[in-house]
Amino acid sequence: MSSLAPTTVSLETLRKFLVAIGSTERWQILQELAKGEALPVRVLAKRIGIPETNVSKLMVSLRSSGIAERTPSRAYRIHPQFTVPGEQAVDLGVMLLRLDRVNPQ
């Protein structure tokens, strides 16, 4: 577990995030991003097996929730505020999502 202070999020941010992860494909995107590497749409699409246009549309929800962000090189990553060093997880303060413990199939 991270030795950093826990993340604090508003209920609205939490609501947006819960809506965002309500899709299997968005969950798979988060699993890929939680590995720690910023990835472009092309790579995400190949890794999870869906068209690039679909990934771009799915990223809108993840970005609007604040969990994901686009880097200057147009790759995506989990916002550093929500990362857990050394773990494939998203820390929302009120809950910790361990993305390495879900089989995508």
PDB file of N, CA and C in Angstrom:
ATOM      1  N   MET A   1       0.857  -1.171   0.000  1.00  0.00           N
ATOM      2  CA  MET A   1       0.000   0.000   0.000  1.00  0.00           C
ATOM      3  C   MET A   1       0.899   1.229   0.000  1.00  0.00           C
ATOM      4  N   SER A   2       0.426   2.281  -0.563  1.00  0.00           N
ATOM      5  CA  SER A   2       1.169   3.525  -0.676  1.00  0.00           C
ATOM      6  C   SER A   2       1.406   4.139   0.705  1.00  0.00           C
ATOM      7  N   SER A   3       2.552   4.771   0.862  1.00  0.00           N
ATOM      8  CA  SER A   3       2.827   5.474   2.107  1.00  0.00           C
ATOM      9  C   SER A   3       2.376   6.929   2.012  1.00  0.00           C
ATOM     10  N   LEU A   4       1.823   7.326   0.865  1.00  0.00           N
ATOM     11  CA  LEU A   4       1.330   8.680   0.680  1.00  0.00           C
ATOM     12  C   LEU A   4       0.026   8.866   1.437  1.00  0.00           C
ATOM     13  N   ALA A   5      -0.328  10.127   1.674  1.00  0.00           N
ATOM     14  CA  ALA A   5      -1.616  10.422   2.314  1.00  0.00           C
ATOM     15  C   ALA A   5      -2.730   9.943   1.399  1.00  0.00           C
ATOM     16  N   PRO A   6      -3.822   9.431   1.946  1.00  0.00           N
ATOM     17  CA  PRO A   6      -4.907   8.933   1.127  1.00  0.00           C
ATOM     18  C   PRO A   6      -5.520  10.032   0.276  1.00  0.00           C
ATOM     19  N   THR A   7      -5.939   9.633  -0.907  1.00  0.00           N
ATOM     20  CA  THR A   7      -6.616  10.542  -1.816  1.00  0.00           C
ATOM     21  C   THR A   7      -8.003  10.853  -1.274  1.00  0.00           C
ATOM     22  N   THR A   8      -8.430  12.084  -1.433  1.00  0.00           N
ATOM     23  CA  THR A   8      -9.780  12.468  -1.052  1.00  0.00           C
ATOM     24  C   THR A   8     -10.514  12.898  -2.302  1.00  0.00           C
ATOM     25  N   VAL A   9     -11.714  12.395  -2.507  1.00  0.00           N
ATOM     26  CA  VAL A   9     -12.505  12.759  -3.674  1.00  0.00           C
ATOM     27  C   VAL A   9     -13.899  13.176  -3.231  1.00  0.00           C
ATOM     28  N   SER A  10     -14.520  13.999  -4.066  1.00  0.00           N
ATOM     29  CA  SER A  10     -15.889  14.419  -3.773  1.00  0.00           C
ATOM     30  C   SER A  10     -16.845  13.301  -4.163  1.00  0.00           C
ATOM     31  N   LEU A  11     -18.054  13.361  -3.641  1.00  0.00           N
ATOM     32  CA  LEU A  11     -19.076  12.378  -4.025  1.00  0.00           C
ATOM     33  C   LEU A  11     -19.380  12.465  -5.518  1.00  0.00           C
ATOM     34  N   GLU A  12     -19.335  13.657  -6.084  1.00  0.00           N
ATOM     35  CA  GLU A  12     -19.588  13.814  -7.525  1.00  0.00           C
ATOM     36  C   GLU A  12     -18.490  13.121  -8.334  1.00  0.00           C
ATOM     37  N   THR A  13     -17.225  13.284  -7.923  1.00  0.00           N
ATOM     38  CA  THR A  13     -16.138  12.592  -8.609  1.00  0.00           C
ATOM     39  C   THR A  13     -16.304  11.085  -8.486  1.00  0.00           C
ATOM     40  N   LEU A  14     -16.666  10.627  -7.310  1.00  0.00           N
ATOM     41  CA  LEU A  14     -16.881   9.205  -7.097  1.00  0.00           C
ATOM     42  C   LEU A  14     -18.023   8.693  -7.971  1.00  0.00           C
ATOM     43  N   ARG A  15     -19.105   9.451  -8.068  1.00  0.00           N
ATOM     44  CA  ARG A  15     -20.234   9.067  -8.920  1.00  0.00           C
ATOM     45  C   ARG A  15     -19.787   8.953 -10.378  1.00  0.00           C
ATOM     46  N   LYS A  16     -19.039   9.947 -10.857  1.00  0.00           N
ATOM     47  CA  LYS A  16     -18.559   9.919 -12.242  1.00  0.00           C
ATOM     48  C   LYS A  16     -17.656   8.706 -12.475  1.00  0.00           C
ATOM     49  N   PHE A  17     -16.813   8.417 -11.486  1.00  0.00           N
ATOM     50  CA  PHE A  17     -15.908   7.289 -11.644  1.00  0.00           C
ATOM     51  C   PHE A  17     -16.671   5.970 -11.666  1.00  0.00           C
ATOM     52  N   LEU A  18     -17.652   5.821 -10.802  1.00  0.00           N
ATOM     53  CA  LEU A  18     -18.428   4.576 -10.784  1.00  0.00           C
ATOM     54  C   LEU A  18     -19.181   4.376 -12.099  1.00  0.00           C
ATOM     55  N   VAL A  19     -19.678   5.459 -12.669  1.00  0.00           N
ATOM     56  CA  VAL A  19     -20.310   5.368 -13.990  1.00  0.00           C
ATOM     57  C   VAL A  19     -19.257   4.961 -15.027  1.00  0.00           C
ATOM     58  N   ALA A  20     -18.078   5.570 -14.933  1.00  0.00           N
ATOM     59  CA  ALA A  20     -17.017   5.294 -15.908  1.00  0.00           C
ATOM     60  C   ALA A  20     -16.577   3.835 -15.903  1.00  0.00           C
ATOM     61  N   ILE A  21     -16.534   3.209 -14.738  1.00  0.00           N
ATOM     62  CA  ILE A  21     -16.066   1.815 -14.706  1.00  0.00           C
ATOM     63  C   ILE A  21     -17.203   0.824 -14.901  1.00  0.00           C
ATOM     64  N   GLY A  22     -18.389   1.325 -15.233  1.00  0.00           N
ATOM     65  CA  GLY A  22     -19.539   0.457 -15.465  1.00  0.00           C
ATOM     66  C   GLY A  22     -19.496  -0.252 -16.795  1.00  0.00           C
ATOM     67  N   SER A  23     -18.415  -0.163 -17.490  1.00  0.00           N
ATOM     68  CA  SER A  23     -18.242  -0.789 -18.796  1.00  0.00           C
ATOM     69  C   SER A  23     -17.047  -1.737 -18.742  1.00  0.00           C
ATOM     70  N   THR A  24     -17.229  -2.920 -19.266  1.00  0.00           N
ATOM     71  CA  THR A  24     -16.136  -3.896 -19.298  1.00  0.00           C
ATOM     72  C   THR A  24     -14.933  -3.348 -20.050  1.00  0.00           C
ATOM     73  N   GLU A  25     -15.193  -2.669 -21.164  1.00  0.00           N
ATOM     74  CA  GLU A  25     -14.091  -2.140 -21.963  1.00  0.00           C
ATOM     75  C   GLU A  25     -13.326  -1.050 -21.211  1.00  0.00           C
ATOM     76  N   ARG A  26     -14.036  -0.170 -20.508  1.00  0.00           N
ATOM     77  CA  ARG A  26     -13.332   0.861 -19.741  1.00  0.00           C
ATOM     78  C   ARG A  26     -12.534   0.229 -18.599  1.00  0.00           C
ATOM     79  N   TRP A  27     -13.075  -0.824 -18.012  1.00  0.00           N
ATOM     80  CA  TRP A  27     -12.337  -1.538 -16.963  1.00  0.00           C
ATOM     81  C   TRP A  27     -11.039  -2.105 -17.545  1.00  0.00           C
ATOM     82  N   GLN A  28     -11.125  -2.677 -18.739  1.00  0.00           N
ATOM     83  CA  GLN A  28      -9.931  -3.232 -19.384  1.00  0.00           C
ATOM     84  C   GLN A  28      -8.914  -2.135 -19.698  1.00  0.00           C
ATOM     85  N   ILE A  29      -9.395  -0.975 -20.110  1.00  0.00           N
ATOM     86  CA  ILE A  29      -8.496   0.155 -20.358  1.00  0.00           C
ATOM     87  C   ILE A  29      -7.789   0.527 -19.063  1.00  0.00           C
ATOM     88  N   LEU A  30      -8.525   0.630 -17.983  1.00  0.00           N
ATOM     89  CA  LEU A  30      -7.908   0.948 -16.689  1.00  0.00           C
ATOM     90  C   LEU A  30      -6.880  -0.098 -16.286  1.00  0.00           C
ATOM     91  N   GLN A  31      -7.178  -1.362 -16.547  1.00  0.00           N
ATOM     92  CA  GLN A  31      -6.209  -2.413 -16.218  1.00  0.00           C
ATOM     93  C   GLN A  31      -4.901  -2.196 -16.973  1.00  0.00           C
ATOM     94  N   GLU A  32      -5.003  -1.828 -18.232  1.00  0.00           N
ATOM     95  CA  GLU A  32      -3.792  -1.574 -19.022  1.00  0.00           C
ATOM     96  C   GLU A  32      -3.052  -0.345 -18.508  1.00  0.00           C
ATOM     97  N   LEU A  33      -3.778   0.722 -18.235  1.00  0.00           N
ATOM     98  CA  LEU A  33      -3.138   1.950 -17.758  1.00  0.00           C
ATOM     99  C   LEU A  33      -2.552   1.789 -16.366  1.00  0.00           C
ATOM    100  N   ALA A  34      -3.145   0.930 -15.545  1.00  0.00           N
ATOM    101  CA  ALA A  34      -2.658   0.718 -14.177  1.00  0.00           C
ATOM    102  C   ALA A  34      -1.307   0.017 -14.149  1.00  0.00           C
ATOM    103  N   LYS A  35      -0.882  -0.506 -15.277  1.00  0.00           N
ATOM    104  CA  LYS A  35       0.446  -1.127 -15.341  1.00  0.00           C
ATOM    105  C   LYS A  35       1.549  -0.078 -15.277  1.00  0.00           C
ATOM    106  N   GLY A  36       1.153   1.214 -15.408  1.00  0.00           N
ATOM    107  CA  GLY A  36       2.102   2.294 -15.188  1.00  0.00           C
ATOM    108  C   GLY A  36       2.614   2.994 -16.419  1.00  0.00           C
ATOM    109  N   GLU A  37       2.305   2.507 -17.577  1.00  0.00           N
ATOM    110  CA  GLU A  37       2.797   3.101 -18.817  1.00  0.00           C
ATOM    111  C   GLU A  37       1.698   3.945 -19.455  1.00  0.00           C
ATOM    112  N   ALA A  38       2.035   5.162 -19.895  1.00  0.00           N
ATOM    113  CA  ALA A  38       1.094   5.987 -20.654  1.00  0.00           C
ATOM    114  C   ALA A  38       0.982   5.372 -22.049  1.00  0.00           C
ATOM    115  N   LEU A  39      -0.250   5.152 -22.505  1.00  0.00           N
ATOM    116  CA  LEU A  39      -0.463   4.454 -23.771  1.00  0.00           C
ATOM    117  C   LEU A  39      -1.342   5.254 -24.725  1.00  0.00           C
ATOM    118  N   PRO A  40      -0.978   5.258 -26.015  1.00  0.00           N
ATOM    119  CA  PRO A  40      -1.842   5.907 -27.010  1.00  0.00           C
ATOM    120  C   PRO A  40      -3.050   5.026 -27.326  1.00  0.00           C
ATOM    121  N   VAL A  41      -4.062   5.641 -27.904  1.00  0.00           N
ATOM    122  CA  VAL A  41      -5.294   4.930 -28.261  1.00  0.00           C
ATOM    123  C   VAL A  41      -4.992   3.688 -29.097  1.00  0.00           C
ATOM    124  N   ARG A  42      -4.080   3.817 -30.048  1.00  0.00           N
ATOM    125  CA  ARG A  42      -3.747   2.699 -30.947  1.00  0.00           C
ATOM    126  C   ARG A  42      -3.305   1.469 -30.158  1.00  0.00           C
ATOM    127  N   VAL A  43      -2.459   1.666 -29.164  1.00  0.00           N
ATOM    128  CA  VAL A  43      -1.949   0.550 -28.359  1.00  0.00           C
ATOM    129  C   VAL A  43      -3.057  -0.012 -27.463  1.00  0.00           C
ATOM    130  N   LEU A  44      -3.817   0.865 -26.836  1.00  0.00           N
ATOM    131  CA  LEU A  44      -4.925   0.395 -26.003  1.00  0.00           C
ATOM    132  C   LEU A  44      -5.897  -0.441 -26.821  1.00  0.00           C
ATOM    133  N   ALA A  45      -6.227   0.031 -28.008  1.00  0.00           N
ATOM    134  CA  ALA A  45      -7.167  -0.697 -28.872  1.00  0.00           C
ATOM    135  C   ALA A  45      -6.636  -2.090 -29.199  1.00  0.00           C
ATOM    136  N   LYS A  46      -5.376  -2.177 -29.529  1.00  0.00           N
ATOM    137  CA  LYS A  46      -4.782  -3.480 -29.868  1.00  0.00           C
ATOM    138  C   LYS A  46      -4.782  -4.412 -28.656  1.00  0.00           C
ATOM    139  N   ARG A  47      -4.431  -3.885 -27.502  1.00  0.00           N
ATOM    140  CA  ARG A  47      -4.332  -4.730 -26.299  1.00  0.00           C
ATOM    141  C   ARG A  47      -5.680  -5.266 -25.834  1.00  0.00           C
ATOM    142  N   ILE A  48      -6.748  -4.477 -25.972  1.00  0.00           N
ATOM    143  CA  ILE A  48      -8.035  -4.972 -25.492  1.00  0.00           C
ATOM    144  C   ILE A  48      -8.936  -5.470 -26.615  1.00  0.00           C
ATOM    145  N   GLY A  49      -8.472  -5.325 -27.855  1.00  0.00           N
ATOM    146  CA  GLY A  49      -9.170  -5.942 -28.972  1.00  0.00           C
ATOM    147  C   GLY A  49     -10.438  -5.242 -29.442  1.00  0.00           C
ATOM    148  N   ILE A  50     -10.429  -3.908 -29.402  1.00  0.00           N
ATOM    149  CA  ILE A  50     -11.571  -3.159 -29.935  1.00  0.00           C
ATOM    150  C   ILE A  50     -11.047  -2.046 -30.843  1.00  0.00           C
ATOM    151  N   PRO A  51     -11.893  -1.499 -31.714  1.00  0.00           N
ATOM    152  CA  PRO A  51     -11.440  -0.442 -32.630  1.00  0.00           C
ATOM    153  C   PRO A  51     -10.967   0.818 -31.902  1.00  0.00           C
ATOM    154  N   GLU A  52     -10.022   1.519 -32.527  1.00  0.00           N
ATOM    155  CA  GLU A  52      -9.475   2.749 -31.956  1.00  0.00           C
ATOM    156  C   GLU A  52     -10.569   3.787 -31.698  1.00  0.00           C
ATOM    157  N   THR A  53     -11.532   3.891 -32.599  1.00  0.00           N
ATOM    158  CA  THR A  53     -12.606   4.872 -32.406  1.00  0.00           C
ATOM    159  C   THR A  53     -13.391   4.576 -31.127  1.00  0.00           C
ATOM    160  N   ASN A  54     -13.577   3.299 -30.825  1.00  0.00           N
ATOM    161  CA  ASN A  54     -14.279   2.925 -29.590  1.00  0.00           C
ATOM    162  C   ASN A  54     -13.470   3.320 -28.356  1.00  0.00           C
ATOM    163  N   VAL A  55     -12.161   3.088 -28.416  1.00  0.00           N
ATOM    164  CA  VAL A  55     -11.299   3.460 -27.283  1.00  0.00           C
ATOM    165  C   VAL A  55     -11.365   4.961 -27.062  1.00  0.00           C
ATOM    166  N   SER A  56     -11.302   5.736 -28.132  1.00  0.00           N
ATOM    167  CA  SER A  56     -11.369   7.195 -28.009  1.00  0.00           C
ATOM    168  C   SER A  56     -12.664   7.616 -27.322  1.00  0.00           C
ATOM    169  N   LYS A  57     -13.767   7.019 -27.706  1.00  0.00           N
ATOM    170  CA  LYS A  57     -15.060   7.347 -27.091  1.00  0.00           C
ATOM    171  C   LYS A  57     -15.098   6.934 -25.623  1.00  0.00           C
ATOM    172  N   LEU A  58     -14.531   5.773 -25.304  1.00  0.00           N
ATOM    173  CA  LEU A  58     -14.518   5.300 -23.920  1.00  0.00           C
ATOM    174  C   LEU A  58     -13.643   6.180 -23.030  1.00  0.00           C
ATOM    175  N   MET A  59     -12.601   6.752 -23.606  1.00  0.00           N
ATOM    176  CA  MET A  59     -11.703   7.598 -22.831  1.00  0.00           C
ATOM    177  C   MET A  59     -12.372   8.900 -22.407  1.00  0.00           C
ATOM    178  N   VAL A  60     -13.406   9.334 -23.126  1.00  0.00           N
ATOM    179  CA  VAL A  60     -14.113  10.559 -22.747  1.00  0.00           C
ATOM    180  C   VAL A  60     -14.637  10.434 -21.316  1.00  0.00           C
ATOM    181  N   SER A  61     -15.263   9.317 -21.000  1.00  0.00           N
ATOM    182  CA  SER A  61     -15.810   9.107 -19.662  1.00  0.00           C
ATOM    183  C   SER A  61     -14.706   9.011 -18.613  1.00  0.00           C
ATOM    184  N   LEU A  62     -13.639   8.310 -18.932  1.00  0.00           N
ATOM    185  CA  LEU A  62     -12.541   8.171 -17.973  1.00  0.00           C
ATOM    186  C   LEU A  62     -11.859   9.511 -17.722  1.00  0.00           C
ATOM    187  N   ARG A  63     -11.728  10.324 -18.762  1.00  0.00           N
ATOM    188  CA  ARG A  63     -11.131  11.649 -18.595  1.00  0.00           C
ATOM    189  C   ARG A  63     -12.068  12.595 -17.852  1.00  0.00           C
ATOM    190  N   SER A  64     -13.356  12.543 -18.155  1.00  0.00           N
ATOM    191  CA  SER A  64     -14.281  13.465 -17.486  1.00  0.00           C
ATOM    192  C   SER A  64     -14.422  13.137 -16.000  1.00  0.00           C
ATOM    193  N   SER A  65     -14.176  11.881 -15.635  1.00  0.00           N
ATOM    194  CA  SER A  65     -14.213  11.520 -14.217  1.00  0.00           C
ATOM    195  C   SER A  65     -12.961  11.995 -13.492  1.00  0.00           C
ATOM    196  N   GLY A  66     -11.926  12.340 -14.256  1.00  0.00           N
ATOM    197  CA  GLY A  66     -10.673  12.798 -13.661  1.00  0.00           C
ATOM    198  C   GLY A  66      -9.699  11.685 -13.362  1.00  0.00           C
ATOM    199  N   ILE A  67     -10.107  10.448 -13.550  1.00  0.00           N
ATOM    200  CA  ILE A  67      -9.240   9.312 -13.238  1.00  0.00           C
ATOM    201  C   ILE A  67      -8.131   9.159 -14.267  1.00  0.00           C
ATOM    202  N   ALA A  68      -8.455   9.424 -15.522  1.00  0.00           N
ATOM    203  CA  ALA A  68      -7.455   9.323 -16.589  1.00  0.00           C
ATOM    204  C   ALA A  68      -7.171  10.703 -17.145  1.00  0.00           C
ATOM    205  N   GLU A  69      -5.971  10.854 -17.694  1.00  0.00           N
ATOM    206  CA  GLU A  69      -5.600  12.111 -18.330  1.00  0.00           C
ATOM    207  C   GLU A  69      -4.786  11.818 -19.589  1.00  0.00           C
ATOM    208  N   ARG A  70      -4.778  12.814 -20.472  1.00  0.00           N
ATOM    209  CA  ARG A  70      -3.981  12.682 -21.696  1.00  0.00           C
ATOM    210  C   ARG A  70      -2.680  13.448 -21.504  1.00  0.00           C
ATOM    211  N   THR A  71      -1.593  12.826 -21.866  1.00  0.00           N
ATOM    212  CA  THR A  71      -0.279  13.451 -21.753  1.00  0.00           C
ATOM    213  C   THR A  71      -0.052  14.364 -22.960  1.00  0.00           C
ATOM    214  N   PRO A  72       0.973  15.215 -22.903  1.00  0.00           N
ATOM    215  CA  PRO A  72       1.270  16.066 -24.065  1.00  0.00           C
ATOM    216  C   PRO A  72       1.547  15.261 -25.350  1.00  0.00           C
ATOM    217  N   SER A  73       2.004  14.029 -25.204  1.00  0.00           N
ATOM    218  CA  SER A  73       2.269  13.185 -26.385  1.00  0.00           C
ATOM    219  C   SER A  73       1.011  12.459 -26.861  1.00  0.00           C
ATOM    220  N   ARG A  74      -0.156  12.815 -26.295  1.00  0.00           N
ATOM    221  CA  ARG A  74      -1.460  12.270 -26.662  1.00  0.00           C
ATOM    222  C   ARG A  74      -1.639  10.810 -26.233  1.00  0.00           C
ATOM    223  N   ALA A  75      -0.850  10.379 -25.276  1.00  0.00           N
ATOM    224  CA  ALA A  75      -1.044   9.059 -24.677  1.00  0.00           C
ATOM    225  C   ALA A  75      -1.909   9.260 -23.435  1.00  0.00           C
ATOM    226  N   TYR A  76      -2.468   8.187 -22.944  1.00  0.00           N
ATOM    227  CA  TYR A  76      -3.320   8.260 -21.760  1.00  0.00           C
ATOM    228  C   TYR A  76      -2.659   7.551 -20.590  1.00  0.00           C
ATOM    229  N   ARG A  77      -2.975   8.038 -19.401  1.00  0.00           N
ATOM    230  CA  ARG A  77      -2.482   7.418 -18.177  1.00  0.00           C
ATOM    231  C   ARG A  77      -3.498   7.686 -17.062  1.00  0.00           C
ATOM    232  N   ILE A  78      -3.378   6.923 -15.993  1.00  0.00           N
ATOM    233  CA  ILE A  78      -4.175   7.208 -14.809  1.00  0.00           C
ATOM    234  C   ILE A  78      -3.576   8.452 -14.170  1.00  0.00           C
ATOM    235  N   HIS A  79      -4.437   9.374 -13.774  1.00  0.00           N
ATOM    236  CA  HIS A  79      -3.959  10.615 -13.172  1.00  0.00           C
ATOM    237  C   HIS A  79      -3.087  10.255 -11.969  1.00  0.00           C
ATOM    238  N   PRO A  80      -1.912  10.874 -11.849  1.00  0.00           N
ATOM    239  CA  PRO A  80      -1.003  10.544 -10.749  1.00  0.00           C
ATOM    240  C   PRO A  80      -1.634  10.630  -9.361  1.00  0.00           C
ATOM    241  N   GLN A  81      -2.627  11.475  -9.171  1.00  0.00           N
ATOM    242  CA  GLN A  81      -3.304  11.593  -7.880  1.00  0.00           C
ATOM    243  C   GLN A  81      -3.926  10.270  -7.437  1.00  0.00           C
ATOM    244  N   PHE A  82      -4.271   9.413  -8.398  1.00  0.00           N
ATOM    245  CA  PHE A  82      -4.988   8.183  -8.085  1.00  0.00           C
ATOM    246  C   PHE A  82      -4.123   6.926  -8.203  1.00  0.00           C
ATOM    247  N   THR A  83      -2.851   7.080  -8.511  1.00  0.00           N
ATOM    248  CA  THR A  83      -1.998   5.904  -8.656  1.00  0.00           C
ATOM    249  C   THR A  83      -1.472   5.437  -7.310  1.00  0.00           C
ATOM    250  N   VAL A  84      -1.107   4.175  -7.259  1.00  0.00           N
ATOM    251  CA  VAL A  84      -0.529   3.578  -6.061  1.00  0.00           C
ATOM    252  C   VAL A  84       0.835   3.027  -6.481  1.00  0.00           C
ATOM    253  N   PRO A  85       1.922   3.659  -6.040  1.00  0.00           N
ATOM    254  CA  PRO A  85       3.253   3.207  -6.446  1.00  0.00           C
ATOM    255  C   PRO A  85       3.463   1.717  -6.179  1.00  0.00           C
ATOM    256  N   GLY A  86       3.930   1.025  -7.206  1.00  0.00           N
ATOM    257  CA  GLY A  86       4.233  -0.393  -7.077  1.00  0.00           C
ATOM    258  C   GLY A  86       3.037  -1.323  -7.175  1.00  0.00           C
ATOM    259  N   GLU A  87       1.846  -0.769  -7.402  1.00  0.00           N
ATOM    260  CA  GLU A  87       0.642  -1.606  -7.504  1.00  0.00           C
ATOM    261  C   GLU A  87      -0.160  -1.233  -8.737  1.00  0.00           C
ATOM    262  N   GLN A  88      -0.877  -2.213  -9.276  1.00  0.00           N
ATOM    263  CA  GLN A  88      -1.824  -1.965 -10.358  1.00  0.00           C
ATOM    264  C   GLN A  88      -3.164  -1.686  -9.705  1.00  0.00           C
ATOM    265  N   ALA A  89      -3.322  -0.433  -9.268  1.00  0.00           N
ATOM    266  CA  ALA A  89      -4.503  -0.078  -8.500  1.00  0.00           C
ATOM    267  C   ALA A  89      -4.838   1.388  -8.719  1.00  0.00           C
ATOM    268  N   VAL A  90      -6.062   1.721  -8.405  1.00  0.00           N
ATOM    269  CA  VAL A  90      -6.532   3.102  -8.407  1.00  0.00           C
ATOM    270  C   VAL A  90      -7.021   3.394  -6.992  1.00  0.00           C
ATOM    271  N   ASP A  91      -6.440   4.428  -6.378  1.00  0.00           N
ATOM    272  CA  ASP A  91      -6.775   4.792  -5.005  1.00  0.00           C
ATOM    273  C   ASP A  91      -7.740   5.966  -5.018  1.00  0.00           C
ATOM    274  N   LEU A  92      -8.977   5.724  -4.630  1.00  0.00           N
ATOM    275  CA  LEU A  92      -9.984   6.780  -4.551  1.00  0.00           C
ATOM    276  C   LEU A  92     -10.189   7.260  -3.121  1.00  0.00           C
ATOM    277  N   GLY A  93      -9.297   6.899  -2.243  1.00  0.00           N
ATOM    278  CA  GLY A  93      -9.438   7.310  -0.851  1.00  0.00           C
ATOM    279  C   GLY A  93     -10.468   6.467  -0.120  1.00  0.00           C
ATOM    280  N   VAL A  94     -11.711   6.491  -0.600  1.00  0.00           N
ATOM    281  CA  VAL A  94     -12.776   5.714   0.028  1.00  0.00           C
ATOM    282  C   VAL A  94     -12.765   4.261  -0.425  1.00  0.00           C
ATOM    283  N   MET A  95     -12.045   3.986  -1.512  1.00  0.00           N
ATOM    284  CA  MET A  95     -11.901   2.609  -1.974  1.00  0.00           C
ATOM    285  C   MET A  95     -10.638   2.478  -2.805  1.00  0.00           C
ATOM    286  N   LEU A  96     -10.089   1.286  -2.796  1.00  0.00           N
ATOM    287  CA  LEU A  96      -8.890   0.971  -3.559  1.00  0.00           C
ATOM    288  C   LEU A  96      -9.252  -0.117  -4.557  1.00  0.00           C
ATOM    289  N   LEU A  97      -9.134   0.204  -5.838  1.00  0.00           N
ATOM    290  CA  LEU A  97      -9.436  -0.777  -6.879  1.00  0.00           C
ATOM    291  C   LEU A  97      -8.152  -1.477  -7.282  1.00  0.00           C
ATOM    292  N   ARG A  98      -8.070  -2.745  -7.022  1.00  0.00           N
ATOM    293  CA  ARG A  98      -6.886  -3.537  -7.394  1.00  0.00           C
ATOM    294  C   ARG A  98      -7.163  -4.163  -8.751  1.00  0.00           C
ATOM    295  N   LEU A  99      -6.607  -3.532  -9.774  1.00  0.00           N
ATOM    296  CA  LEU A  99      -6.922  -3.909 -11.147  1.00  0.00           C
ATOM    297  C   LEU A  99      -6.185  -5.149 -11.630  1.00  0.00           C
ATOM    298  N   ASP A 100      -5.214  -5.608 -10.881  1.00  0.00           N
ATOM    299  CA  ASP A 100      -4.477  -6.808 -11.277  1.00  0.00           C
ATOM    300  C   ASP A 100      -5.157  -8.092 -10.771  1.00  0.00           C
ATOM    301  N   ARG A 101      -6.272  -7.969 -10.093  1.00  0.00           N
ATOM    302  CA  ARG A 101      -6.917  -9.133  -9.508  1.00  0.00           C
ATOM    303  C   ARG A 101      -8.212  -9.512 -10.219  1.00  0.00           C
ATOM    304  N   VAL A 102      -8.451  -8.925 -11.385  1.00  0.00           N
ATOM    305  CA  VAL A 102      -9.656  -9.228 -12.153  1.00  0.00           C
ATOM    306  C   VAL A 102      -9.232  -9.819 -13.477  1.00  0.00           C
ATOM    307  N   ASN A 103      -9.739 -10.998 -13.781  1.00  0.00           N
ATOM    308  CA  ASN A 103      -9.457 -11.637 -15.060  1.00  0.00           C
ATOM    309  C   ASN A 103     -10.364 -11.019 -16.101  1.00  0.00           C
ATOM    310  N   PRO A 104      -9.810 -10.428 -17.183  1.00  0.00           N
ATOM    311  CA  PRO A 104     -10.638  -9.741 -18.163  1.00  0.00           C
ATOM    312  C   PRO A 104     -11.517 -10.655 -18.997  1.00  0.00           C
ATOM    313  N   GLN A 105     -11.417 -11.956 -18.851  1.00  0.00           N
ATOM    314  CA  GLN A 105     -12.251 -12.852 -19.675  1.00  0.00           C
ATOM    315  C   GLN A 105     -13.464 -13.316 -18.981  1.00  0.00           C
TER     316      GLN A 105
END
